[in-house]
């Protein structure tokens, strides 16, 4: 795995190093720009749906700090279904567990202190990880900051103008939940184990829905499928 010690400024080439870092930041931002447009739209949908459940401040703060569309939508889905806060948090944690492995890879690449490596990992998302193309940390940061601005800005717009749109359900914004997770699922259905895991998860969730509070059936299904995947490795 490559490391980029050269991203550390040296005394005799500080200007050149800063120029290289700025160039990598720009590359990351430019590569993220097309995805950022979609992030704004998705953020608007999230903000419009969340304002009725969380108020005007919490959705924007969540987008700035949690910075995870899938986890935020999962939490919102549980809360909109009158699930408990604990169930909503567990659903978010289960969805974000994949970042443990991604963070380990990024941490091995980033030079410097633990705090610097941790700061890079905090900015990770599926999209900016995909566009950095194994580039230096500055490229990841450029992509991540662009996506963060788009996602949180879209959330703020949704919160500010969501009430003016009327009932989000009338506009079909509630379809954002299943659409997002169907998109996340698409790459997992390319082989027989993936299809079997998806079917098993759906069966478990449907069977437990009449028995458990909102959010827990999905969490139980995801946990069971994850455990099954671990035992097969």
C-alpha atoms as a PDB file:
ATOM      1  CA  UNK A   1       0.000   0.000   0.000  1.00  0.00           C
ATOM      2  CA  UNK A   2       1.365   3.401  -0.953  1.00  0.00           C
ATOM      3  CA  UNK A   3       2.129   6.101   1.549  1.00  0.00           C
ATOM      4  CA  UNK A   4       2.544   9.712   0.652  1.00  0.00           C
ATOM      5  CA  UNK A   5       5.247  11.037   2.889  1.00  0.00           C
ATOM      6  CA  UNK A   6       5.940  13.565   0.179  1.00  0.00           C
ATOM      7  CA  UNK A   7       2.771  15.364   1.197  1.00  0.00           C
ATOM      8  CA  UNK A   8       4.664  16.562   4.293  1.00  0.00           C
ATOM      9  CA  UNK A   9       6.175  19.997   3.514  1.00  0.00           C
ATOM     10  CA  UNK A  10       9.944  20.104   3.610  1.00  0.00           C
ATOM     11  CA  UNK A  11      11.925  23.119   4.657  1.00  0.00           C
ATOM     12  CA  UNK A  12      13.554  23.595   1.262  1.00  0.00           C
ATOM     13  CA  UNK A  13      10.508  22.964  -0.877  1.00  0.00           C
ATOM     14  CA  UNK A  14       7.586  24.302   1.125  1.00  0.00           C
ATOM     15  CA  UNK A  15       6.148  26.273  -1.781  1.00  0.00           C
ATOM     16  CA  UNK A  16       6.288  23.338  -4.165  1.00  0.00           C
ATOM     17  CA  UNK A  17       4.729  21.058  -1.555  1.00  0.00           C
ATOM     18  CA  UNK A  18       1.893  23.498  -0.901  1.00  0.00           C
ATOM     19  CA  UNK A  19       1.277  23.781  -4.632  1.00  0.00           C
ATOM     20  CA  UNK A  20       1.142  19.991  -4.946  1.00  0.00           C
ATOM     21  CA  UNK A  21      -1.307  19.751  -2.058  1.00  0.00           C
ATOM     22  CA  UNK A  22      -3.504  22.473  -3.568  1.00  0.00           C
ATOM     23  CA  UNK A  23      -3.475  20.651  -6.913  1.00  0.00           C
ATOM     24  CA  UNK A  24      -4.564  17.401  -5.261  1.00  0.00           C
ATOM     25  CA  UNK A  25      -7.323  19.185  -3.332  1.00  0.00           C
ATOM     26  CA  UNK A  26      -8.605  20.569  -6.622  1.00  0.00           C
ATOM     27  CA  UNK A  27      -8.459  17.153  -8.305  1.00  0.00           C
ATOM     28  CA  UNK A  28     -10.536  15.650  -5.509  1.00  0.00           C
ATOM     29  CA  UNK A  29     -13.070  18.480  -5.619  1.00  0.00           C
ATOM     30  CA  UNK A  30     -13.355  18.294  -9.409  1.00  0.00           C
ATOM     31  CA  UNK A  31     -13.895  14.548  -9.411  1.00  0.00           C
ATOM     32  CA  UNK A  32     -16.559  14.829  -6.731  1.00  0.00           C
ATOM     33  CA  UNK A  33     -18.444  17.690  -8.426  1.00  0.00           C
ATOM     34  CA  UNK A  34     -20.873  15.545 -10.517  1.00  0.00           C
ATOM     35  CA  UNK A  35     -21.745  13.434  -7.476  1.00  0.00           C
ATOM     36  CA  UNK A  36     -22.077  16.564  -5.355  1.00  0.00           C
ATOM     37  CA  UNK A  37     -24.962  17.750  -7.538  1.00  0.00           C
ATOM     38  CA  UNK A  38     -26.859  14.573  -6.641  1.00  0.00           C
ATOM     39  CA  UNK A  39     -25.865  15.043  -2.993  1.00  0.00           C
ATOM     40  CA  UNK A  40     -27.541  18.455  -2.956  1.00  0.00           C
ATOM     41  CA  UNK A  41     -30.777  16.964  -4.280  1.00  0.00           C
ATOM     42  CA  UNK A  42     -30.614  14.038  -1.856  1.00  0.00           C
ATOM     43  CA  UNK A  43     -29.831  16.434   0.999  1.00  0.00           C
ATOM     44  CA  UNK A  44     -32.881  18.535   0.161  1.00  0.00           C
ATOM     45  CA  UNK A  45     -35.050  15.403   0.336  1.00  0.00           C
ATOM     46  CA  UNK A  46     -33.519  14.416   3.668  1.00  0.00           C
ATOM     47  CA  UNK A  47     -33.972  17.887   5.153  1.00  0.00           C
ATOM     48  CA  UNK A  48     -37.581  18.152   3.981  1.00  0.00           C
ATOM     49  CA  UNK A  49     -38.426  14.782   5.514  1.00  0.00           C
ATOM     50  CA  UNK A  50     -36.398  15.268   8.703  1.00  0.00           C
ATOM     51  CA  UNK A  51     -37.725  18.685   9.698  1.00  0.00           C
ATOM     52  CA  UNK A  52     -41.090  17.252  10.782  1.00  0.00           C
ATOM     53  CA  UNK A  53     -39.385  14.689  13.022  1.00  0.00           C
ATOM     54  CA  UNK A  54     -36.223  16.435  14.257  1.00  0.00           C
ATOM     55  CA  UNK A  55     -36.973  20.136  13.979  1.00  0.00           C
ATOM     56  CA  UNK A  56     -34.947  22.720  12.086  1.00  0.00           C
ATOM     57  CA  UNK A  57     -31.518  22.477  13.715  1.00  0.00           C
ATOM     58  CA  UNK A  58     -30.878  18.774  14.347  1.00  0.00           C
ATOM     59  CA  UNK A  59     -30.985  17.638  10.666  1.00  0.00           C
ATOM     60  CA  UNK A  60     -28.351  20.186   9.614  1.00  0.00           C
ATOM     61  CA  UNK A  61     -26.122  19.414  12.618  1.00  0.00           C
ATOM     62  CA  UNK A  62     -26.467  15.700  11.849  1.00  0.00           C
ATOM     63  CA  UNK A  63     -25.432  16.209   8.227  1.00  0.00           C
ATOM     64  CA  UNK A  64     -22.392  18.226   9.290  1.00  0.00           C
ATOM     65  CA  UNK A  65     -21.270  15.749  11.948  1.00  0.00           C
ATOM     66  CA  UNK A  66     -22.579  12.297  11.013  1.00  0.00           C
ATOM     67  CA  UNK A  67     -22.003  12.954   7.282  1.00  0.00           C
ATOM     68  CA  UNK A  68     -23.509   9.629   6.207  1.00  0.00           C
ATOM     69  CA  UNK A  69     -26.561   9.607   3.985  1.00  0.00           C
ATOM     70  CA  UNK A  70     -27.379   5.938   4.450  1.00  0.00           C
ATOM     71  CA  UNK A  71     -27.065   6.081   8.255  1.00  0.00           C
ATOM     72  CA  UNK A  72     -29.038   9.321   8.485  1.00  0.00           C
ATOM     73  CA  UNK A  73     -31.841   7.971   6.325  1.00  0.00           C
ATOM     74  CA  UNK A  74     -31.885   4.788   8.407  1.00  0.00           C
ATOM     75  CA  UNK A  75     -32.211   6.776  11.627  1.00  0.00           C
ATOM     76  CA  UNK A  76     -34.909   8.961  10.134  1.00  0.00           C
ATOM     77  CA  UNK A  77     -36.851   5.961   8.868  1.00  0.00           C
ATOM     78  CA  UNK A  78     -36.867   4.413  12.347  1.00  0.00           C
ATOM     79  CA  UNK A  79     -37.864   7.679  14.030  1.00  0.00           C
ATOM     80  CA  UNK A  80     -40.617   8.379  11.488  1.00  0.00           C
ATOM     81  CA  UNK A  81     -41.956   4.912  12.238  1.00  0.00           C
ATOM     82  CA  UNK A  82     -42.093   5.845  15.955  1.00  0.00           C
ATOM     83  CA  UNK A  83     -39.123   3.619  16.778  1.00  0.00           C
ATOM     84  CA  UNK A  84     -36.901   4.307  19.761  1.00  0.00           C
ATOM     85  CA  UNK A  85     -33.782   6.452  19.619  1.00  0.00           C
ATOM     86  CA  UNK A  86     -31.731   3.407  20.625  1.00  0.00           C
ATOM     87  CA  UNK A  87     -33.058   1.428  17.654  1.00  0.00           C
ATOM     88  CA  UNK A  88     -32.324   4.354  15.327  1.00  0.00           C
ATOM     89  CA  UNK A  89     -28.740   4.637  16.597  1.00  0.00           C
ATOM     90  CA  UNK A  90     -28.166   0.891  16.304  1.00  0.00           C
ATOM     91  CA  UNK A  91     -29.422   0.932  12.714  1.00  0.00           C
ATOM     92  CA  UNK A  92     -26.981   3.750  11.894  1.00  0.00           C
ATOM     93  CA  UNK A  93     -24.077   1.960  13.564  1.00  0.00           C
ATOM     94  CA  UNK A  94     -24.838  -1.275  11.710  1.00  0.00           C
ATOM     95  CA  UNK A  95     -24.841   0.522   8.357  1.00  0.00           C
ATOM     96  CA  UNK A  96     -21.599   2.360   9.078  1.00  0.00           C
ATOM     97  CA  UNK A  97     -19.671  -0.694  10.275  1.00  0.00           C
ATOM     98  CA  UNK A  98     -18.213  -1.008   6.765  1.00  0.00           C
ATOM     99  CA  UNK A  99     -16.123   2.096   7.406  1.00  0.00           C
ATOM    100  CA  UNK A 100     -13.974   0.194   9.888  1.00  0.00           C
ATOM    101  CA  UNK A 101     -12.242  -1.625   7.031  1.00  0.00           C
ATOM    102  CA  UNK A 102     -12.068   1.449   4.786  1.00  0.00           C
ATOM    103  CA  UNK A 103     -10.638   3.546   7.620  1.00  0.00           C
ATOM    104  CA  UNK A 104      -7.925   0.962   8.241  1.00  0.00           C
ATOM    105  CA  UNK A 105      -6.786   1.287   4.622  1.00  0.00           C
ATOM    106  CA  UNK A 106      -6.823   5.097   4.709  1.00  0.00           C
ATOM    107  CA  UNK A 107      -5.005   5.207   8.041  1.00  0.00           C
ATOM    108  CA  UNK A 108      -2.182   3.088   6.614  1.00  0.00           C
ATOM    109  CA  UNK A 109      -1.761   5.546   3.729  1.00  0.00           C
ATOM    110  CA  UNK A 110      -1.827   8.834   5.607  1.00  0.00           C
ATOM    111  CA  UNK A 111       1.472  10.032   7.100  1.00  0.00           C
ATOM    112  CA  UNK A 112       1.704  11.951  10.322  1.00  0.00           C
ATOM    113  CA  UNK A 113       0.073  11.729  13.720  1.00  0.00           C
ATOM    114  CA  UNK A 114      -2.874   9.611  14.796  1.00  0.00           C
ATOM    115  CA  UNK A 115      -5.011  12.736  14.968  1.00  0.00           C
ATOM    116  CA  UNK A 116      -4.236  13.536  11.346  1.00  0.00           C
ATOM    117  CA  UNK A 117      -5.138  10.004  10.253  1.00  0.00           C
ATOM    118  CA  UNK A 118      -8.316  10.114  12.321  1.00  0.00           C
ATOM    119  CA  UNK A 119      -9.328  13.434  10.756  1.00  0.00           C
ATOM    120  CA  UNK A 120      -9.072  11.927   7.261  1.00  0.00           C
ATOM    121  CA  UNK A 121     -11.112   8.900   8.300  1.00  0.00           C
ATOM    122  CA  UNK A 122     -13.879  11.081   9.748  1.00  0.00           C
ATOM    123  CA  UNK A 123     -14.424  12.530   6.262  1.00  0.00           C
ATOM    124  CA  UNK A 124     -14.827   9.149   4.564  1.00  0.00           C
ATOM    125  CA  UNK A 125     -17.897   8.247   2.527  1.00  0.00           C
ATOM    126  CA  UNK A 126     -18.484   5.617  -0.133  1.00  0.00           C
ATOM    127  CA  UNK A 127     -18.477   8.246  -2.871  1.00  0.00           C
ATOM    128  CA  UNK A 128     -15.308  10.141  -1.978  1.00  0.00           C
ATOM    129  CA  UNK A 129     -13.474   6.877  -1.316  1.00  0.00           C
ATOM    130  CA  UNK A 130     -14.419   5.753  -4.835  1.00  0.00           C
ATOM    131  CA  UNK A 131     -13.235   8.916  -6.604  1.00  0.00           C
ATOM    132  CA  UNK A 132      -9.842   9.355  -4.912  1.00  0.00           C
ATOM    133  CA  UNK A 133      -8.371   6.511  -7.001  1.00  0.00           C
ATOM    134  CA  UNK A 134      -5.743   5.559  -4.405  1.00  0.00           C
ATOM    135  CA  UNK A 135      -4.461   9.122  -4.512  1.00  0.00           C
ATOM    136  CA  UNK A 136      -2.778  11.108  -1.734  1.00  0.00           C
ATOM    137  CA  UNK A 137      -4.699  12.285   1.362  1.00  0.00           C
ATOM    138  CA  UNK A 138      -5.177  15.803  -0.019  1.00  0.00           C
ATOM    139  CA  UNK A 139      -7.250  14.367  -2.870  1.00  0.00           C
ATOM    140  CA  UNK A 140      -9.528  12.593  -0.412  1.00  0.00           C
ATOM    141  CA  UNK A 141      -9.891  15.768   1.636  1.00  0.00           C
ATOM    142  CA  UNK A 142     -10.783  17.827  -1.448  1.00  0.00           C
ATOM    143  CA  UNK A 143     -13.427  15.314  -2.490  1.00  0.00           C
ATOM    144  CA  UNK A 144     -14.767  14.961   1.054  1.00  0.00           C
ATOM    145  CA  UNK A 145     -15.089  18.700   1.714  1.00  0.00           C
ATOM    146  CA  UNK A 146     -16.909  19.145  -1.589  1.00  0.00           C
ATOM    147  CA  UNK A 147     -19.348  16.385  -0.733  1.00  0.00           C
ATOM    148  CA  UNK A 148     -19.802  17.650   2.831  1.00  0.00           C
ATOM    149  CA  UNK A 149     -20.685  21.123   1.558  1.00  0.00           C
ATOM    150  CA  UNK A 150     -23.160  19.700  -0.966  1.00  0.00           C
ATOM    151  CA  UNK A 151     -24.835  17.293   1.463  1.00  0.00           C
ATOM    152  CA  UNK A 152     -25.115  19.701   4.407  1.00  0.00           C
ATOM    153  CA  UNK A 153     -26.079  22.587   2.126  1.00  0.00           C
ATOM    154  CA  UNK A 154     -28.815  20.494   0.542  1.00  0.00           C
ATOM    155  CA  UNK A 155     -30.039  19.500   4.000  1.00  0.00           C
ATOM    156  CA  UNK A 156     -30.208  23.152   5.039  1.00  0.00           C
ATOM    157  CA  UNK A 157     -32.217  23.991   1.909  1.00  0.00           C
ATOM    158  CA  UNK A 158     -34.603  21.112   2.590  1.00  0.00           C
ATOM    159  CA  UNK A 159     -35.078  22.227   6.184  1.00  0.00           C
ATOM    160  CA  UNK A 160     -35.593  25.873   5.192  1.00  0.00           C
ATOM    161  CA  UNK A 161     -38.001  25.306   2.330  1.00  0.00           C
ATOM    162  CA  UNK A 162     -39.373  21.838   3.066  1.00  0.00           C
ATOM    163  CA  UNK A 163     -42.441  23.182   4.831  1.00  0.00           C
ATOM    164  CA  UNK A 164     -43.196  25.379   1.816  1.00  0.00           C
ATOM    165  CA  UNK A 165     -43.377  22.252  -0.318  1.00  0.00           C
ATOM    166  CA  UNK A 166     -46.253  20.893   1.733  1.00  0.00           C
ATOM    167  CA  UNK A 167     -46.552  17.268   2.738  1.00  0.00           C
ATOM    168  CA  UNK A 168     -43.348  15.438   1.661  1.00  0.00           C
ATOM    169  CA  UNK A 169     -45.363  12.239   1.221  1.00  0.00           C
ATOM    170  CA  UNK A 170     -47.546  13.963  -1.375  1.00  0.00           C
ATOM    171  CA  UNK A 171     -44.426  14.695  -3.418  1.00  0.00           C
ATOM    172  CA  UNK A 172     -43.204  11.129  -3.113  1.00  0.00           C
ATOM    173  CA  UNK A 173     -40.106  12.073  -1.108  1.00  0.00           C
ATOM    174  CA  UNK A 174     -40.739   9.093   1.151  1.00  0.00           C
ATOM    175  CA  UNK A 175     -39.565   6.975  -1.808  1.00  0.00           C
ATOM    176  CA  UNK A 176     -36.059   8.281  -1.049  1.00  0.00           C
ATOM    177  CA  UNK A 177     -35.724   5.645   1.681  1.00  0.00           C
ATOM    178  CA  UNK A 178     -36.291   2.505  -0.387  1.00  0.00           C
ATOM    179  CA  UNK A 179     -34.603   4.041  -3.436  1.00  0.00           C
ATOM    180  CA  UNK A 180     -31.406   4.758  -1.508  1.00  0.00           C
ATOM    181  CA  UNK A 181     -31.171   1.286  -0.038  1.00  0.00           C
ATOM    182  CA  UNK A 182     -32.065  -0.373  -3.330  1.00  0.00           C
ATOM    183  CA  UNK A 183     -29.146   1.541  -4.862  1.00  0.00           C
ATOM    184  CA  UNK A 184     -26.833   0.330  -2.084  1.00  0.00           C
ATOM    185  CA  UNK A 185     -28.051  -3.231  -2.616  1.00  0.00           C
ATOM    186  CA  UNK A 186     -27.444  -3.355  -6.349  1.00  0.00           C
ATOM    187  CA  UNK A 187     -23.742  -4.219  -6.121  1.00  0.00           C
ATOM    188  CA  UNK A 188     -24.411  -7.038  -3.669  1.00  0.00           C
ATOM    189  CA  UNK A 189     -26.638  -9.066  -6.008  1.00  0.00           C
ATOM    190  CA  UNK A 190     -23.990 -10.190  -8.470  1.00  0.00           C
ATOM    191  CA  UNK A 191     -23.482 -13.694  -7.127  1.00  0.00           C
ATOM    192  CA  UNK A 192     -25.445 -16.472  -5.454  1.00  0.00           C
ATOM    193  CA  UNK A 193     -24.320 -15.753  -1.850  1.00  0.00           C
ATOM    194  CA  UNK A 194     -25.335 -12.121  -2.228  1.00  0.00           C
ATOM    195  CA  UNK A 195     -28.784 -13.011  -3.530  1.00  0.00           C
ATOM    196  CA  UNK A 196     -29.283 -15.581  -0.765  1.00  0.00           C
ATOM    197  CA  UNK A 197     -28.252 -13.076   1.894  1.00  0.00           C
ATOM    198  CA  UNK A 198     -30.669 -10.457   0.503  1.00  0.00           C
ATOM    199  CA  UNK A 199     -33.541 -12.945   0.436  1.00  0.00           C
ATOM    200  CA  UNK A 200     -32.755 -14.146   3.956  1.00  0.00           C
ATOM    201  CA  UNK A 201     -32.598 -10.597   5.264  1.00  0.00           C
ATOM    202  CA  UNK A 202     -35.902  -9.681   3.658  1.00  0.00           C
ATOM    203  CA  UNK A 203     -37.554 -12.811   5.058  1.00  0.00           C
ATOM    204  CA  UNK A 204     -36.288 -12.147   8.597  1.00  0.00           C
ATOM    205  CA  UNK A 205     -37.364  -8.499   8.493  1.00  0.00           C
ATOM    206  CA  UNK A 206     -40.858  -9.330   7.212  1.00  0.00           C
ATOM    207  CA  UNK A 207     -41.320 -12.090   9.779  1.00  0.00           C
ATOM    208  CA  UNK A 208     -40.290  -9.861  12.701  1.00  0.00           C
ATOM    209  CA  UNK A 209     -42.174  -6.715  11.642  1.00  0.00           C
ATOM    210  CA  UNK A 210     -45.445  -7.666  13.407  1.00  0.00           C
ATOM    211  CA  UNK A 211     -43.539  -8.686  16.540  1.00  0.00           C
ATOM    212  CA  UNK A 212     -40.909  -5.998  17.186  1.00  0.00           C
ATOM    213  CA  UNK A 213     -40.860  -2.181  17.393  1.00  0.00           C
ATOM    214  CA  UNK A 214     -39.979  -0.232  14.215  1.00  0.00           C
ATOM    215  CA  UNK A 215     -36.319  -0.434  13.290  1.00  0.00           C
ATOM    216  CA  UNK A 216     -35.528  -3.623  15.176  1.00  0.00           C
ATOM    217  CA  UNK A 217     -36.652  -6.049  12.412  1.00  0.00           C
ATOM    218  CA  UNK A 218     -34.266  -4.427   9.914  1.00  0.00           C
ATOM    219  CA  UNK A 219     -31.485  -4.354  12.484  1.00  0.00           C
ATOM    220  CA  UNK A 220     -32.026  -8.039  13.325  1.00  0.00           C
ATOM    221  CA  UNK A 221     -32.039  -8.993   9.649  1.00  0.00           C
ATOM    222  CA  UNK A 222     -28.838  -7.071   8.971  1.00  0.00           C
ATOM    223  CA  UNK A 223     -27.093  -8.560  11.988  1.00  0.00           C
ATOM    224  CA  UNK A 224     -28.069 -12.094  10.998  1.00  0.00           C
ATOM    225  CA  UNK A 225     -26.849 -11.635   7.426  1.00  0.00           C
ATOM    226  CA  UNK A 226     -23.590 -10.073   8.595  1.00  0.00           C
ATOM    227  CA  UNK A 227     -22.994 -12.978  10.990  1.00  0.00           C
ATOM    228  CA  UNK A 228     -23.696 -15.460   8.202  1.00  0.00           C
ATOM    229  CA  UNK A 229     -21.225 -13.670   5.946  1.00  0.00           C
ATOM    230  CA  UNK A 230     -18.512 -13.786   8.620  1.00  0.00           C
ATOM    231  CA  UNK A 231     -18.963 -17.533   9.167  1.00  0.00           C
ATOM    232  CA  UNK A 232     -18.554 -18.167   5.437  1.00  0.00           C
ATOM    233  CA  UNK A 233     -15.175 -16.406   5.247  1.00  0.00           C
END
